[in-house]
Amino acid sequence: MAPVELRLNGLCKRFRDVVAVHDASLVIRGGEVLALLGENGAGKSTLMRLAYGMVRPDAGHIEIDARRVRFDAPRDAVAAGIGMVFQQFSLIDTLSVRENLALAWPRAPWWLGRDARRPGALDAHLARLVPGVDPRARTGDLAVGVRQQIEIAKVLLREARCVILDEPTAVLTPAEAGALHARVRALARDGFAVVLITHKTADVRACADRVAVMRAGRVVGEAPAADAADARIVEWMVGVAPAPAAARPARAADTPVRLSVRGLCAGPVRDVALDVHAGEIVAVAGVSGSGQVALAEALTGLRPLDAGQVTLDGQALRAPGRPARPVAALAAIPADPRRTAIAPSRSLAVNLALKRLAVQPWRVRRAALEEQARAPIARFDVRPPDPRRPAGTLSGGNLQKLVIARELQGDPTAVVACYPTMGLDVVATAQVRDAMLTLAANGCAVLWFGEDLDDLLAHAHRIVVMFDGRLVADLDAHTATPQQVGVWMSGHAIAPDPLRQAA
């Protein structure tokens, strides 16, 4: 396979009054891993969507191997040898691995369906790229890391020479992330061009050859990965040197329990018992699908309880049959804010005041709401910073910051934050992390469902691990290692259940 050279020359893209990409130029070469970083809204995803044909540029052009090309749709990019794996997988969970690969076959005829008569080519492709996976296995039953490898296999099945990966390690265990890094390096050695859209400098250190950073729609910095220190990358992203990271707050040994969970059962979550003390940060880790999101939803009222009880400062907060209402003392940051935390057609100002509106709607004036919204919008750098703008028009990262701005304002007694920094750039991540550390230092109980183990270990007091709907480990974050936590997350440290084995 001849290495590809993809050139993006002076690309521009505007969405109404928002300039997403402005005069951006970038060279992507075969045999190289390029890490693309930038703040939320910096334009990196839009730039890669231009390269993949999902959107068309307003100006500029694309070249492949010194030949000018035009992509009107992703199929044109695929035909030219460009593939993209998105953060939200496109696999159909109810189909087998073989059937999902069949859907990606460039000229898939009917005989590659459920009763495939010629599956040999697909099985051989799978065995070469994801060895050890049964092609007949139901895709939804596989680990996240394996499913991601199947997504990459789908792209390579279409004979891509350039592979774009969007936040590929966001929900992987340390072992899965390490396997992905090795896979990315192997692709580069085989001559593929790989673009890694990421917010993690750990990804850069693990597998990147070159770093490019975007700010305000432009490519503002490029360097070999070995020459791009973390501080330099952050300075490119924001235009100033990064502030020192906040320290984990000290916690007295005799602080009272603020958030208490007993015998909680809700959907896949079974018999969870947990206490979070005043001033304590407890991190909840686990691979995707182990029940973390369901537990967070049960604690915050998005999912009804089948059994058990949740108390806040000794007062009943959640119980079976108890209606869920917004509680000012509990800050709730859900895993999917677009679906569960906003009124998309309402303004940023209204969304920032939703808890107050639920209690005293008659005391609020629109002008006052808009004025009161300016401070939290500025604090968390929600873009564009227009209090009258409908919340549903925000990008995913800015929508996340809007919900965080609403929930962390005031003086909450407890915080239940489900993946609060997922999809946020390093600057926004630091802002959210520092805000939660400050709350904990002031006596708030913080339950932090996170995807970045290094971050959790550095800032939490305890790490509890979920596996198969249960809490299976409670570790001291001061002494635990990512490898130890990863073993619990994968289930390898859990003794077999004799009752389940007998059944």
Foldseek 3Di string as FASTA:
>chain_A
DAKKKKWWAQFWDDDVPATQAGGAIDIFIWLFEEEEEAFVSLNPVVVVCCLQQCDPTPDTFMDMPNHTDGRNHNVRNLLVQEEEQEPDGPADQQAFLQQSLLVLAPDRDPLSHPVRPDSVVVVVLCCVQPNPDDRRDRNNVDFPLSNSSSSVSSSVNSVHQEYEYEANQFQPAPVSLLVVLVSVNVSSNVTGGYYYHHQDVVSLVSHGQKYWYGGSNYTQDIDGSVPQDPQNNVCSRPVHGDDDFDAAADDDPPFAWFKWWAQWDFVQAGGETDTFGWLAEEEEEAGPPLCPQVVLCCQQQVTATPATFMGGNNHTQHGHPDHHDDDLQEQRQHPQCVVPQADQQFFLLCSLCVNVCSPCVPVDDPVVSQVVSQVLCVLLVQPPSGRRDGLNVGDPQSNLSSSLSSRLPDQHQEYEHAASCRPGHPVSVSSSLVSVSVSSNVTHGYYHHHRDLVVCLRHGQWYWYGGSNYTDDIGGSPPDDSVVNSCVNVVVVDDDDVVVVVD
